[in-house]
PDB file of N, CA and C in Angstrom:
ATOM      1  N   MET A   1       1.416  -1.757  -0.100  1.00  0.00           N
ATOM      2  CA  MET A   1       0.044   0.159  -0.098  1.00  0.00           C
ATOM      3  C   MET A   1       1.011   1.355   0.180  1.00  0.00           C
ATOM      4  N   LYS A   2       0.584   2.452  -0.490  1.00  0.00           N
ATOM      5  CA  LYS A   2       1.005   3.652  -0.689  1.00  0.00           C
ATOM      6  C   LYS A   2       1.374   3.953   1.102  1.00  0.00           C
ATOM      7  N   THR A   3       2.198   4.707   0.838  1.00  0.00           N
ATOM      8  CA  THR A   3       2.708   6.006   2.356  1.00  0.00           C
ATOM      9  C   THR A   3       1.552   6.795   2.434  1.00  0.00           C
ATOM     10  N   GLU A   4       0.471   6.052   2.277  1.00  0.00           N
ATOM     11  CA  GLU A   4      -0.814   7.336   3.070  1.00  0.00           C
ATOM     12  C   GLU A   4      -0.326   7.099   4.655  1.00  0.00           C
ATOM     13  N   GLU A   5      -1.303   8.461   5.114  1.00  0.00           N
ATOM     14  CA  GLU A   5      -1.952   8.240   5.931  1.00  0.00           C
ATOM     15  C   GLU A   5      -2.511   7.525   7.193  1.00  0.00           C
ATOM     16  N   ARG A   6      -2.759   6.846   7.402  1.00  0.00           N
ATOM     17  CA  ARG A   6      -3.751   5.495   7.890  1.00  0.00           C
ATOM     18  C   ARG A   6      -4.829   5.673   8.748  1.00  0.00           C
ATOM     19  N   ASN A   7      -6.024   6.460   8.740  1.00  0.00           N
ATOM     20  CA  ASN A   7      -6.701   6.977   9.781  1.00  0.00           C
ATOM     21  C   ASN A   7      -8.078   5.920   8.674  1.00  0.00           C
ATOM     22  N   PHE A   8      -9.052   6.214   9.315  1.00  0.00           N
ATOM     23  CA  PHE A   8     -10.300   5.890   8.904  1.00  0.00           C
ATOM     24  C   PHE A   8     -10.302   5.736   8.078  1.00  0.00           C
ATOM     25  N   SER A   9     -10.682   7.006   6.737  1.00  0.00           N
ATOM     26  CA  SER A   9     -11.019   7.933   5.814  1.00  0.00           C
ATOM     27  C   SER A   9      -9.859   7.460   4.478  1.00  0.00           C
ATOM     28  N   THR A  10      -8.477   7.000   4.986  1.00  0.00           N
ATOM     29  CA  THR A  10      -7.845   6.410   3.998  1.00  0.00           C
ATOM     30  C   THR A  10      -8.261   4.954   3.554  1.00  0.00           C
ATOM     31  N   CYS A  11      -8.902   4.502   4.847  1.00  0.00           N
ATOM     32  CA  CYS A  11      -8.859   2.768   5.208  1.00  0.00           C
ATOM     33  C   CYS A  11     -10.418   2.492   4.774  1.00  0.00           C
ATOM     34  N   SER A  12     -11.305   3.956   4.862  1.00  0.00           N
ATOM     35  CA  SER A  12     -12.328   3.378   4.239  1.00  0.00           C
ATOM     36  C   SER A  12     -12.239   3.876   2.230  1.00  0.00           C
ATOM     37  N   LYS A  13     -11.461   4.214   1.666  1.00  0.00           N
ATOM     38  CA  LYS A  13     -11.075   4.241   0.117  1.00  0.00           C
ATOM     39  C   LYS A  13     -10.466   3.028  -0.194  1.00  0.00           C
ATOM     40  N   HIS A  14      -9.706   2.204   0.576  1.00  0.00           N
ATOM     41  CA  HIS A  14      -9.173   1.519   0.316  1.00  0.00           C
ATOM     42  C   HIS A  14     -10.517   0.078   0.536  1.00  0.00           C
ATOM     43  N   MET A  15     -11.444  -0.391   1.490  1.00  0.00           N
ATOM     44  CA  MET A  15     -12.299  -1.093   2.040  1.00  0.00           C
ATOM     45  C   MET A  15     -13.518  -1.119   1.132  1.00  0.00           C
ATOM     46  N   PHE A  16     -14.315  -0.384   0.497  1.00  0.00           N
ATOM     47  CA  PHE A  16     -15.294  -0.329   0.127  1.00  0.00           C
ATOM     48  C   PHE A  16     -14.989  -0.822  -0.881  1.00  0.00           C
ATOM     49  N   PRO A  17     -14.167  -0.159  -1.734  1.00  0.00           N
ATOM     50  CA  PRO A  17     -13.704  -0.996  -3.390  1.00  0.00           C
ATOM     51  C   PRO A  17     -13.419  -2.205  -3.003  1.00  0.00           C
ATOM     52  N   VAL A  18     -12.806  -2.779  -1.984  1.00  0.00           N
ATOM     53  CA  VAL A  18     -13.071  -4.302  -2.188  1.00  0.00           C
ATOM     54  C   VAL A  18     -14.114  -4.837  -2.098  1.00  0.00           C
ATOM     55  N   HIS A  19     -14.596  -4.341  -1.116  1.00  0.00           N
ATOM     56  CA  HIS A  19     -16.483  -4.782  -0.657  1.00  0.00           C
ATOM     57  C   HIS A  19     -17.133  -5.149  -1.819  1.00  0.00           C
ATOM     58  N   ASP A  20     -17.423  -3.255  -2.413  1.00  0.00           N
ATOM     59  CA  ASP A  20     -17.825  -3.805  -3.550  1.00  0.00           C
ATOM     60  C   ASP A  20     -17.924  -5.522  -4.749  1.00  0.00           C
ATOM     61  N   ALA A  21     -16.029  -5.377  -4.924  1.00  0.00           N
ATOM     62  CA  ALA A  21     -15.469  -6.351  -5.748  1.00  0.00           C
ATOM     63  C   ALA A  21     -16.224  -7.475  -4.933  1.00  0.00           C
ATOM     64  N   LEU A  22     -15.793  -8.463  -3.790  1.00  0.00           N
ATOM     65  CA  LEU A  22     -16.210  -9.219  -3.525  1.00  0.00           C
ATOM     66  C   LEU A  22     -18.089  -9.949  -3.472  1.00  0.00           C
ATOM     67  N   ALA A  23     -19.148  -8.404  -3.775  1.00  0.00           N
ATOM     68  CA  ALA A  23     -19.675  -8.589  -3.596  1.00  0.00           C
ATOM     69  C   ALA A  23     -19.895  -9.506  -4.937  1.00  0.00           C
ATOM     70  N   VAL A  24     -19.678  -8.939  -5.780  1.00  0.00           N
ATOM     71  CA  VAL A  24     -19.861  -9.118  -7.232  1.00  0.00           C
ATOM     72  C   VAL A  24     -19.585 -10.752  -7.644  1.00  0.00           C
ATOM     73  N   LEU A  25     -18.378 -10.799  -6.821  1.00  0.00           N
ATOM     74  CA  LEU A  25     -17.853 -11.924  -7.029  1.00  0.00           C
ATOM     75  C   LEU A  25     -17.731 -13.367  -6.015  1.00  0.00           C
ATOM     76  N   ASN A  26     -18.766 -12.876  -5.161  1.00  0.00           N
ATOM     77  CA  ASN A  26     -19.291 -13.581  -3.844  1.00  0.00           C
ATOM     78  C   ASN A  26     -19.677 -15.263  -3.721  1.00  0.00           C
ATOM     79  N   GLY A  27     -19.496 -16.330  -3.345  1.00  0.00           N
ATOM     80  CA  GLY A  27     -19.771 -17.152  -3.345  1.00  0.00           C
ATOM     81  C   GLY A  27     -18.073 -18.018  -4.174  1.00  0.00           C
ATOM     82  N   LYS A  28     -18.893 -19.551  -3.521  1.00  0.00           N
ATOM     83  CA  LYS A  28     -17.636 -20.522  -4.184  1.00  0.00           C
ATOM     84  C   LYS A  28     -17.418 -20.636  -5.287  1.00  0.00           C
ATOM     85  N   TRP A  29     -18.389 -20.731  -6.586  1.00  0.00           N
ATOM     86  CA  TRP A  29     -18.875 -20.214  -7.650  1.00  0.00           C
ATOM     87  C   TRP A  29     -18.509 -19.538  -9.030  1.00  0.00           C
ATOM     88  N   LYS A  30     -18.912 -18.310  -8.245  1.00  0.00           N
ATOM     89  CA  LYS A  30     -18.210 -17.429  -9.292  1.00  0.00           C
ATOM     90  C   LYS A  30     -16.963 -17.472 -10.349  1.00  0.00           C
ATOM     91  N   LEU A  31     -15.947 -17.451  -9.592  1.00  0.00           N
ATOM     92  CA  LEU A  31     -14.616 -17.677  -9.651  1.00  0.00           C
ATOM     93  C   LEU A  31     -14.101 -18.763 -10.809  1.00  0.00           C
ATOM     94  N   PRO A  32     -14.514 -20.099 -10.106  1.00  0.00           N
ATOM     95  CA  PRO A  32     -14.356 -20.848 -10.983  1.00  0.00           C
ATOM     96  C   PRO A  32     -15.069 -21.414 -12.440  1.00  0.00           C
ATOM     97  N   ILE A  33     -16.856 -20.364 -12.241  1.00  0.00           N
ATOM     98  CA  ILE A  33     -17.276 -20.013 -13.922  1.00  0.00           C
ATOM     99  C   ILE A  33     -16.746 -18.960 -14.508  1.00  0.00           C
ATOM    100  N   ILE A  34     -16.096 -18.150 -14.478  1.00  0.00           N
ATOM    101  CA  ILE A  34     -14.701 -17.069 -14.923  1.00  0.00           C
ATOM    102  C   ILE A  34     -13.873 -18.189 -14.819  1.00  0.00           C
ATOM    103  N   ILE A  35     -13.463 -18.365 -14.727  1.00  0.00           N
ATOM    104  CA  ILE A  35     -12.445 -19.610 -14.958  1.00  0.00           C
ATOM    105  C   ILE A  35     -12.309 -20.126 -16.043  1.00  0.00           C
ATOM    106  N   SER A  36     -13.307 -21.033 -15.709  1.00  0.00           N
ATOM    107  CA  SER A  36     -13.630 -21.623 -17.178  1.00  0.00           C
ATOM    108  C   SER A  36     -13.854 -21.079 -18.337  1.00  0.00           C
ATOM    109  N   LEU A  37     -14.781 -19.543 -18.319  1.00  0.00           N
ATOM    110  CA  LEU A  37     -14.889 -18.548 -20.003  1.00  0.00           C
ATOM    111  C   LEU A  37     -13.910 -18.121 -20.204  1.00  0.00           C
ATOM    112  N   MET A  38     -12.783 -18.310 -19.218  1.00  0.00           N
ATOM    113  CA  MET A  38     -11.450 -17.953 -19.557  1.00  0.00           C
ATOM    114  C   MET A  38     -11.122 -18.236 -20.611  1.00  0.00           C
ATOM    115  N   PHE A  39     -10.933 -19.678 -21.002  1.00  0.00           N
ATOM    116  CA  PHE A  39     -10.744 -20.258 -21.560  1.00  0.00           C
ATOM    117  C   PHE A  39     -11.479 -20.761 -23.162  1.00  0.00           C
ATOM    118  N   GLY A  40     -12.478 -19.938 -23.316  1.00  0.00           N
ATOM    119  CA  GLY A  40     -13.487 -20.399 -24.523  1.00  0.00           C
ATOM    120  C   GLY A  40     -14.845 -20.014 -23.878  1.00  0.00           C
ATOM    121  N   ASN A  41     -15.625 -19.925 -24.970  1.00  0.00           N
ATOM    122  CA  ASN A  41     -16.680 -19.833 -25.092  1.00  0.00           C
ATOM    123  C   ASN A  41     -17.425 -21.412 -24.833  1.00  0.00           C
ATOM    124  N   LYS A  42     -18.617 -22.104 -23.816  1.00  0.00           N
ATOM    125  CA  LYS A  42     -18.754 -23.113 -23.148  1.00  0.00           C
ATOM    126  C   LYS A  42     -20.142 -22.568 -23.367  1.00  0.00           C
ATOM    127  N   ARG A  43     -20.748 -23.988 -23.440  1.00  0.00           N
ATOM    128  CA  ARG A  43     -22.511 -24.198 -22.726  1.00  0.00           C
ATOM    129  C   ARG A  43     -22.183 -24.923 -21.630  1.00  0.00           C
ATOM    130  N   PHE A  44     -23.779 -24.609 -20.823  1.00  0.00           N
ATOM    131  CA  PHE A  44     -24.116 -24.913 -19.700  1.00  0.00           C
ATOM    132  C   PHE A  44     -23.526 -26.664 -19.425  1.00  0.00           C
ATOM    133  N   SER A  45     -23.783 -26.874 -20.949  1.00  0.00           N
ATOM    134  CA  SER A  45     -23.613 -28.592 -19.492  1.00  0.00           C
ATOM    135  C   SER A  45     -21.715 -28.696 -19.289  1.00  0.00           C
ATOM    136  N   GLN A  46     -20.884 -27.510 -20.307  1.00  0.00           N
ATOM    137  CA  GLN A  46     -19.496 -27.831 -20.624  1.00  0.00           C
ATOM    138  C   GLN A  46     -18.809 -27.254 -19.094  1.00  0.00           C
ATOM    139  N   ILE A  47     -19.746 -26.852 -18.835  1.00  0.00           N
ATOM    140  CA  ILE A  47     -19.490 -25.364 -17.632  1.00  0.00           C
ATOM    141  C   ILE A  47     -19.636 -26.829 -16.414  1.00  0.00           C
ATOM    142  N   GLY A  48     -20.585 -27.167 -15.998  1.00  0.00           N
ATOM    143  CA  GLY A  48     -21.070 -27.783 -14.913  1.00  0.00           C
ATOM    144  C   GLY A  48     -20.328 -28.693 -14.829  1.00  0.00           C
ATOM    145  N   ARG A  49     -19.412 -29.840 -16.203  1.00  0.00           N
ATOM    146  CA  ARG A  49     -18.879 -30.901 -16.519  1.00  0.00           C
ATOM    147  C   ARG A  49     -17.254 -30.519 -15.579  1.00  0.00           C
ATOM    148  N   GLU A  50     -16.663 -28.690 -15.743  1.00  0.00           N
ATOM    149  CA  GLU A  50     -15.286 -28.218 -15.802  1.00  0.00           C
ATOM    150  C   GLU A  50     -15.500 -27.699 -13.879  1.00  0.00           C
ATOM    151  N   ILE A  51     -17.051 -27.937 -13.423  1.00  0.00           N
ATOM    152  CA  ILE A  51     -16.607 -27.876 -12.136  1.00  0.00           C
ATOM    153  C   ILE A  51     -17.260 -28.518 -11.229  1.00  0.00           C
ATOM    154  N   PRO A  52     -16.513 -29.122 -10.276  1.00  0.00           N
ATOM    155  CA  PRO A  52     -16.962 -30.948  -9.710  1.00  0.00           C
ATOM    156  C   PRO A  52     -18.049 -29.841  -8.654  1.00  0.00           C
ATOM    157  N   LYS A  53     -19.388 -30.464  -8.559  1.00  0.00           N
ATOM    158  CA  LYS A  53     -19.540 -30.564  -7.868  1.00  0.00           C
ATOM    159  C   LYS A  53     -20.665 -29.319  -7.888  1.00  0.00           C
ATOM    160  N   ILE A  54     -20.605 -28.649  -8.795  1.00  0.00           N
ATOM    161  CA  ILE A  54     -21.775 -27.611  -9.223  1.00  0.00           C
ATOM    162  C   ILE A  54     -23.504 -28.216  -9.426  1.00  0.00           C
ATOM    163  N   THR A  55     -24.688 -27.742  -8.918  1.00  0.00           N
ATOM    164  CA  THR A  55     -25.251 -28.396  -9.623  1.00  0.00           C
ATOM    165  C   THR A  55     -25.734 -27.017 -10.593  1.00  0.00           C
ATOM    166  N   ASP A  56     -27.064 -28.204 -11.193  1.00  0.00           N
ATOM    167  CA  ASP A  56     -27.101 -27.376 -12.523  1.00  0.00           C
ATOM    168  C   ASP A  56     -28.056 -26.107 -11.650  1.00  0.00           C
ATOM    169  N   LYS A  57     -28.824 -25.878 -11.092  1.00  0.00           N
ATOM    170  CA  LYS A  57     -29.277 -25.187 -10.437  1.00  0.00           C
ATOM    171  C   LYS A  57     -28.820 -23.627  -9.562  1.00  0.00           C
ATOM    172  N   MET A  58     -27.487 -24.262  -9.399  1.00  0.00           N
ATOM    173  CA  MET A  58     -26.474 -22.962  -8.712  1.00  0.00           C
ATOM    174  C   MET A  58     -25.865 -22.035  -9.909  1.00  0.00           C
ATOM    175  N   LEU A  59     -25.627 -23.669 -10.603  1.00  0.00           N
ATOM    176  CA  LEU A  59     -24.858 -22.961 -12.234  1.00  0.00           C
ATOM    177  C   LEU A  59     -25.783 -21.396 -13.053  1.00  0.00           C
ATOM    178  N   SER A  60     -27.215 -22.069 -13.077  1.00  0.00           N
ATOM    179  CA  SER A  60     -28.041 -21.108 -13.942  1.00  0.00           C
ATOM    180  C   SER A  60     -28.405 -20.120 -13.117  1.00  0.00           C
ATOM    181  N   LYS A  61     -27.981 -20.010 -11.304  1.00  0.00           N
ATOM    182  CA  LYS A  61     -28.140 -19.078 -10.666  1.00  0.00           C
ATOM    183  C   LYS A  61     -27.268 -17.908 -11.037  1.00  0.00           C
ATOM    184  N   GLU A  62     -25.869 -18.681 -10.986  1.00  0.00           N
ATOM    185  CA  GLU A  62     -24.625 -17.855 -10.613  1.00  0.00           C
ATOM    186  C   GLU A  62     -24.106 -17.213 -12.191  1.00  0.00           C
ATOM    187  N   LEU A  63     -24.558 -17.714 -12.928  1.00  0.00           N
ATOM    188  CA  LEU A  63     -24.115 -17.049 -14.427  1.00  0.00           C
ATOM    189  C   LEU A  63     -25.352 -16.184 -14.389  1.00  0.00           C
ATOM    190  N   ARG A  64     -26.695 -16.066 -14.145  1.00  0.00           N
ATOM    191  CA  ARG A  64     -27.564 -15.440 -14.271  1.00  0.00           C
ATOM    192  C   ARG A  64     -27.181 -13.710 -13.482  1.00  0.00           C
ATOM    193  N   ASP A  65     -26.611 -14.206 -12.606  1.00  0.00           N
ATOM    194  CA  ASP A  65     -25.843 -12.997 -11.519  1.00  0.00           C
ATOM    195  C   ASP A  65     -24.964 -12.425 -12.589  1.00  0.00           C
ATOM    196  N   LEU A  66     -24.311 -13.204 -12.636  1.00  0.00           N
ATOM    197  CA  LEU A  66     -22.160 -13.337 -14.236  1.00  0.00           C
ATOM    198  C   LEU A  66     -23.150 -12.114 -15.282  1.00  0.00           C
ATOM    199  N   GLU A  67     -24.176 -12.600 -15.588  1.00  0.00           N
ATOM    200  CA  GLU A  67     -24.934 -11.718 -16.641  1.00  0.00           C
ATOM    201  C   GLU A  67     -25.249 -10.661 -16.291  1.00  0.00           C
ATOM    202  N   MET A  68     -26.363 -10.471 -15.196  1.00  0.00           N
ATOM    203  CA  MET A  68     -26.112  -9.213 -14.689  1.00  0.00           C
ATOM    204  C   MET A  68     -25.243  -7.798 -14.454  1.00  0.00           C
ATOM    205  N   ASN A  69     -24.230  -8.337 -13.642  1.00  0.00           N
ATOM    206  CA  ASN A  69     -22.766  -7.819 -13.687  1.00  0.00           C
ATOM    207  C   ASN A  69     -22.096  -7.597 -14.802  1.00  0.00           C
ATOM    208  N   GLU A  70     -22.668  -8.372 -15.812  1.00  0.00           N
ATOM    209  CA  GLU A  70     -22.227  -7.976 -17.262  1.00  0.00           C
ATOM    210  C   GLU A  70     -20.598  -7.980 -17.213  1.00  0.00           C
ATOM    211  N   LEU A  71     -20.369  -9.786 -16.627  1.00  0.00           N
ATOM    212  CA  LEU A  71     -19.698  -9.900 -16.554  1.00  0.00           C
ATOM    213  C   LEU A  71     -19.148 -11.293 -17.641  1.00  0.00           C
ATOM    214  N   VAL A  72     -20.786 -12.019 -18.006  1.00  0.00           N
ATOM    215  CA  VAL A  72     -20.869 -13.209 -18.905  1.00  0.00           C
ATOM    216  C   VAL A  72     -21.736 -12.654 -19.672  1.00  0.00           C
ATOM    217  N   LYS A  73     -22.113 -12.729 -21.243  1.00  0.00           N
ATOM    218  CA  LYS A  73     -22.841 -12.723 -21.848  1.00  0.00           C
ATOM    219  C   LYS A  73     -23.222 -14.316 -22.240  1.00  0.00           C
ATOM    220  N   ARG A  74     -24.819 -14.365 -22.590  1.00  0.00           N
ATOM    221  CA  ARG A  74     -25.520 -15.198 -23.204  1.00  0.00           C
ATOM    222  C   ARG A  74     -26.268 -14.951 -24.307  1.00  0.00           C
ATOM    223  N   THR A  75     -26.025 -16.388 -24.843  1.00  0.00           N
ATOM    224  CA  THR A  75     -25.912 -16.039 -26.657  1.00  0.00           C
ATOM    225  C   THR A  75     -27.130 -16.920 -26.652  1.00  0.00           C
ATOM    226  N   VAL A  76     -28.283 -17.001 -27.426  1.00  0.00           N
ATOM    227  CA  VAL A  76     -29.245 -18.580 -27.902  1.00  0.00           C
ATOM    228  C   VAL A  76     -28.909 -18.374 -29.149  1.00  0.00           C
ATOM    229  N   TYR A  77     -28.890 -19.247 -29.620  1.00  0.00           N
ATOM    230  CA  TYR A  77     -28.347 -19.604 -31.803  1.00  0.00           C
ATOM    231  C   TYR A  77     -30.342 -20.185 -31.764  1.00  0.00           C
ATOM    232  N   ASP A  78     -29.903 -19.454 -32.762  1.00  0.00           N
ATOM    233  CA  ASP A  78     -31.834 -20.164 -34.015  1.00  0.00           C
ATOM    234  C   ASP A  78     -31.826 -21.252 -33.847  1.00  0.00           C
ATOM    235  N   SER A  79     -30.938 -22.282 -33.653  1.00  0.00           N
ATOM    236  CA  SER A  79     -30.551 -23.759 -34.216  1.00  0.00           C
ATOM    237  C   SER A  79     -32.216 -24.777 -34.057  1.00  0.00           C
ATOM    238  N   ILE A  80     -32.039 -26.207 -34.554  1.00  0.00           N
ATOM    239  CA  ILE A  80     -32.429 -27.240 -33.758  1.00  0.00           C
ATOM    240  C   ILE A  80     -31.257 -27.957 -33.192  1.00  0.00           C
ATOM    241  N   PRO A  81     -31.217 -28.087 -32.687  1.00  0.00           N
ATOM    242  CA  PRO A  81     -32.017 -27.797 -31.511  1.00  0.00           C
ATOM    243  C   PRO A  81     -31.334 -26.284 -30.882  1.00  0.00           C
ATOM    244  N   VAL A  82     -32.140 -25.942 -30.145  1.00  0.00           N
ATOM    245  CA  VAL A  82     -31.744 -24.420 -29.698  1.00  0.00           C
ATOM    246  C   VAL A  82     -29.828 -24.945 -28.657  1.00  0.00           C
ATOM    247  N   VAL A  83     -29.097 -23.918 -29.385  1.00  0.00           N
ATOM    248  CA  VAL A  83     -27.592 -24.011 -28.219  1.00  0.00           C
ATOM    249  C   VAL A  83     -27.530 -22.555 -27.770  1.00  0.00           C
ATOM    250  N   VAL A  84     -27.290 -22.459 -26.797  1.00  0.00           N
ATOM    251  CA  VAL A  84     -26.799 -21.803 -25.532  1.00  0.00           C
ATOM    252  C   VAL A  84     -25.871 -21.152 -25.376  1.00  0.00           C
ATOM    253  N   GLU A  85     -24.909 -20.378 -25.152  1.00  0.00           N
ATOM    254  CA  GLU A  85     -23.282 -20.359 -25.187  1.00  0.00           C
ATOM    255  C   GLU A  85     -23.535 -19.397 -24.136  1.00  0.00           C
ATOM    256  N   TYR A  86     -22.568 -19.628 -23.415  1.00  0.00           N
ATOM    257  CA  TYR A  86     -21.738 -18.467 -22.857  1.00  0.00           C
ATOM    258  C   TYR A  86     -20.727 -18.079 -22.672  1.00  0.00           C
ATOM    259  N   THR A  87     -20.801 -16.707 -22.519  1.00  0.00           N
ATOM    260  CA  THR A  87     -18.737 -16.355 -23.077  1.00  0.00           C
ATOM    261  C   THR A  87     -18.655 -15.171 -22.207  1.00  0.00           C
ATOM    262  N   LEU A  88     -17.317 -15.001 -22.187  1.00  0.00           N
ATOM    263  CA  LEU A  88     -17.194 -13.650 -21.016  1.00  0.00           C
ATOM    264  C   LEU A  88     -16.894 -12.406 -21.518  1.00  0.00           C
ATOM    265  N   THR A  89     -17.723 -11.707 -21.277  1.00  0.00           N
ATOM    266  CA  THR A  89     -17.223 -10.442 -22.260  1.00  0.00           C
ATOM    267  C   THR A  89     -16.179  -9.804 -21.850  1.00  0.00           C
ATOM    268  N   ASP A  90     -15.711  -8.492 -22.649  1.00  0.00           N
ATOM    269  CA  ASP A  90     -14.362  -7.954 -22.623  1.00  0.00           C
ATOM    270  C   ASP A  90     -14.349  -6.911 -20.671  1.00  0.00           C
ATOM    271  N   TYR A  91     -15.248  -7.117 -20.386  1.00  0.00           N
ATOM    272  CA  TYR A  91     -15.384  -6.395 -19.258  1.00  0.00           C
ATOM    273  C   TYR A  91     -15.440  -7.533 -17.453  1.00  0.00           C
ATOM    274  N   GLY A  92     -15.504  -8.642 -18.711  1.00  0.00           N
ATOM    275  CA  GLY A  92     -15.613 -10.225 -17.723  1.00  0.00           C
ATOM    276  C   GLY A  92     -13.645 -10.472 -17.800  1.00  0.00           C
ATOM    277  N   HIS A  93     -13.312  -9.860 -18.888  1.00  0.00           N
ATOM    278  CA  HIS A  93     -11.943 -10.132 -19.356  1.00  0.00           C
ATOM    279  C   HIS A  93     -10.860  -9.466 -18.804  1.00  0.00           C
ATOM    280  N   THR A  94     -11.363  -8.390 -18.466  1.00  0.00           N
ATOM    281  CA  THR A  94     -10.504  -7.403 -17.071  1.00  0.00           C
ATOM    282  C   THR A  94     -10.357  -7.777 -15.925  1.00  0.00           C
ATOM    283  N   LEU A  95     -10.882  -9.119 -15.370  1.00  0.00           N
ATOM    284  CA  LEU A  95     -10.542  -9.817 -13.582  1.00  0.00           C
ATOM    285  C   LEU A  95      -9.296 -10.977 -14.753  1.00  0.00           C
ATOM    286  N   GLU A  96      -8.658 -11.214 -15.414  1.00  0.00           N
ATOM    287  CA  GLU A  96      -8.126 -12.304 -15.043  1.00  0.00           C
ATOM    288  C   GLU A  96      -6.881 -11.921 -14.436  1.00  0.00           C
ATOM    289  N   PRO A  97      -6.528 -10.620 -14.750  1.00  0.00           N
ATOM    290  CA  PRO A  97      -4.991 -10.487 -13.630  1.00  0.00           C
ATOM    291  C   PRO A  97      -5.249 -10.348 -12.632  1.00  0.00           C
ATOM    292  N   VAL A  98      -6.161 -10.173 -11.712  1.00  0.00           N
ATOM    293  CA  VAL A  98      -6.967 -10.221 -10.518  1.00  0.00           C
ATOM    294  C   VAL A  98      -6.605 -11.907 -10.024  1.00  0.00           C
ATOM    295  N   ILE A  99      -7.151 -12.688 -11.473  1.00  0.00           N
ATOM    296  CA  ILE A  99      -7.431 -14.080 -11.231  1.00  0.00           C
ATOM    297  C   ILE A  99      -6.054 -15.038 -11.007  1.00  0.00           C
ATOM    298  N   GLU A 100      -4.792 -14.006 -11.786  1.00  0.00           N
ATOM    299  CA  GLU A 100      -3.581 -14.475 -12.414  1.00  0.00           C
ATOM    300  C   GLU A 100      -2.974 -14.186 -10.650  1.00  0.00           C
ATOM    301  N   VAL A 101      -3.133 -13.169  -9.727  1.00  0.00           N
ATOM    302  CA  VAL A 101      -2.661 -12.846  -8.924  1.00  0.00           C
ATOM    303  C   VAL A 101      -3.117 -13.659  -7.366  1.00  0.00           C
ATOM    304  N   LEU A 102      -4.314 -13.617  -7.557  1.00  0.00           N
ATOM    305  CA  LEU A 102      -4.969 -14.948  -6.433  1.00  0.00           C
ATOM    306  C   LEU A 102      -4.600 -16.179  -7.306  1.00  0.00           C
ATOM    307  N   ARG A 103      -3.955 -16.837  -7.978  1.00  0.00           N
ATOM    308  CA  ARG A 103      -3.605 -18.142  -8.973  1.00  0.00           C
ATOM    309  C   ARG A 103      -1.899 -18.329  -8.116  1.00  0.00           C
ATOM    310  N   LYS A 104      -1.038 -17.233  -8.008  1.00  0.00           N
ATOM    311  CA  LYS A 104       0.011 -17.006  -8.066  1.00  0.00           C
ATOM    312  C   LYS A 104      -0.016 -16.828  -5.891  1.00  0.00           C
ATOM    313  N   TRP A 105      -0.564 -16.296  -5.352  1.00  0.00           N
ATOM    314  CA  TRP A 105      -1.219 -16.681  -4.369  1.00  0.00           C
ATOM    315  C   TRP A 105      -0.963 -17.249  -3.696  1.00  0.00           C
ATOM    316  N   GLY A 106      -2.309 -18.166  -3.911  1.00  0.00           N
ATOM    317  CA  GLY A 106      -3.025 -19.357  -4.164  1.00  0.00           C
ATOM    318  C   GLY A 106      -1.420 -20.547  -3.696  1.00  0.00           C
ATOM    319  N   GLU A 107      -0.868 -20.576  -5.045  1.00  0.00           N
ATOM    320  CA  GLU A 107       0.155 -21.213  -4.887  1.00  0.00           C
ATOM    321  C   GLU A 107       1.331 -20.929  -3.743  1.00  0.00           C
ATOM    322  N   LYS A 108       1.859 -20.043  -2.841  1.00  0.00           N
ATOM    323  CA  LYS A 108       3.128 -20.255  -2.131  1.00  0.00           C
ATOM    324  C   LYS A 108       1.687 -20.197  -1.152  1.00  0.00           C
ATOM    325  N   HIS A 109       0.550 -20.218  -0.786  1.00  0.00           N
ATOM    326  CA  HIS A 109      -0.042 -20.391   0.352  1.00  0.00           C
ATOM    327  C   HIS A 109      -0.315 -22.052   0.415  1.00  0.00           C
ATOM    328  N   ARG A 110      -0.634 -22.668  -0.294  1.00  0.00           N
ATOM    329  CA  ARG A 110      -0.700 -24.245  -0.776  1.00  0.00           C
ATOM    330  C   ARG A 110       0.698 -24.671   0.180  1.00  0.00           C
ATOM    331  N   GLU A 111       2.008 -24.469  -0.989  1.00  0.00           N
ATOM    332  CA  GLU A 111       3.494 -25.073  -0.628  1.00  0.00           C
ATOM    333  C   GLU A 111       3.357 -24.832   1.205  1.00  0.00           C
ATOM    334  N   ARG A 112       3.048 -22.994   1.495  1.00  0.00           N
ATOM    335  CA  ARG A 112       3.864 -22.183   2.833  1.00  0.00           C
ATOM    336  C   ARG A 112       3.399 -23.708   3.545  1.00  0.00           C
ATOM    337  N   ILE A 113       2.184 -23.537   3.750  1.00  0.00           N
ATOM    338  CA  ILE A 113       0.456 -24.591   4.473  1.00  0.00           C
ATOM    339  C   ILE A 113       1.174 -25.876   4.472  1.00  0.00           C
ATOM    340  N   MET A 114       1.327 -26.967   3.220  1.00  0.00           N
ATOM    341  CA  MET A 114       2.181 -27.894   4.096  1.00  0.00           C
ATOM    342  C   MET A 114       3.498 -28.406   3.918  1.00  0.00           C
ATOM    343  N   LYS A 115       4.067 -26.958   4.087  1.00  0.00           N
ATOM    344  CA  LYS A 115       5.652 -27.172   4.228  1.00  0.00           C
ATOM    345  C   LYS A 115       5.335 -26.965   5.590  1.00  0.00           C
ATOM    346  N   GLU A 116       4.128 -26.298   6.531  1.00  0.00           N
ATOM    347  CA  GLU A 116       4.489 -26.288   7.879  1.00  0.00           C
ATOM    348  C   GLU A 116       3.703 -27.323   8.462  1.00  0.00           C
ATOM    349  N   GLU A 117       2.499 -28.381   7.596  1.00  0.00           N
ATOM    350  CA  GLU A 117       2.140 -29.780   8.263  1.00  0.00           C
ATOM    351  C   GLU A 117       3.424 -30.750   7.767  1.00  0.00           C
ATOM    352  N   SER A 118       4.370 -30.818   6.829  1.00  0.00           N
ATOM    353  CA  SER A 118       5.177 -31.748   7.037  1.00  0.00           C
ATOM    354  C   SER A 118       6.026 -31.157   8.384  1.00  0.00           C
ATOM    355  N   THR A 119       6.611 -30.303   8.776  1.00  0.00           N
ATOM    356  CA  THR A 119       7.958 -30.519   9.555  1.00  0.00           C
ATOM    357  C   THR A 119       6.770 -30.487  11.096  1.00  0.00           C
ATOM    358  N   GLU A 120       5.252 -30.817  11.338  1.00  0.00           N
ATOM    359  CA  GLU A 120       4.469 -30.647  12.613  1.00  0.00           C
ATOM    360  C   GLU A 120       5.253 -32.277  13.264  1.00  0.00           C
TER     361      GLU A 120
END
């Protein structure tokens, strides 16, 4: 963090945007869905197969939330049978650097915790 004065006002300026971001990405399924779509457009069943233990009901709810927040686009193709495809929007792609930082931190954290467990 920059060398700003550490007081309530500067704390709030950092806390509120993070709170807002977490409100959009909350839960255990939204980030895995976004990560799945980072690797290409997918149909509903493809996303479900890539994310173990997510129910169809939960996947549907989370996709609607992500669509409402303009992170995911749902496209219905006029074909027989009807094909529905989900795509990460340009706005959704802005999360890629954030997810990459989280991935790197997660790898280091896992190493640290595993090392500590093996020395006990």
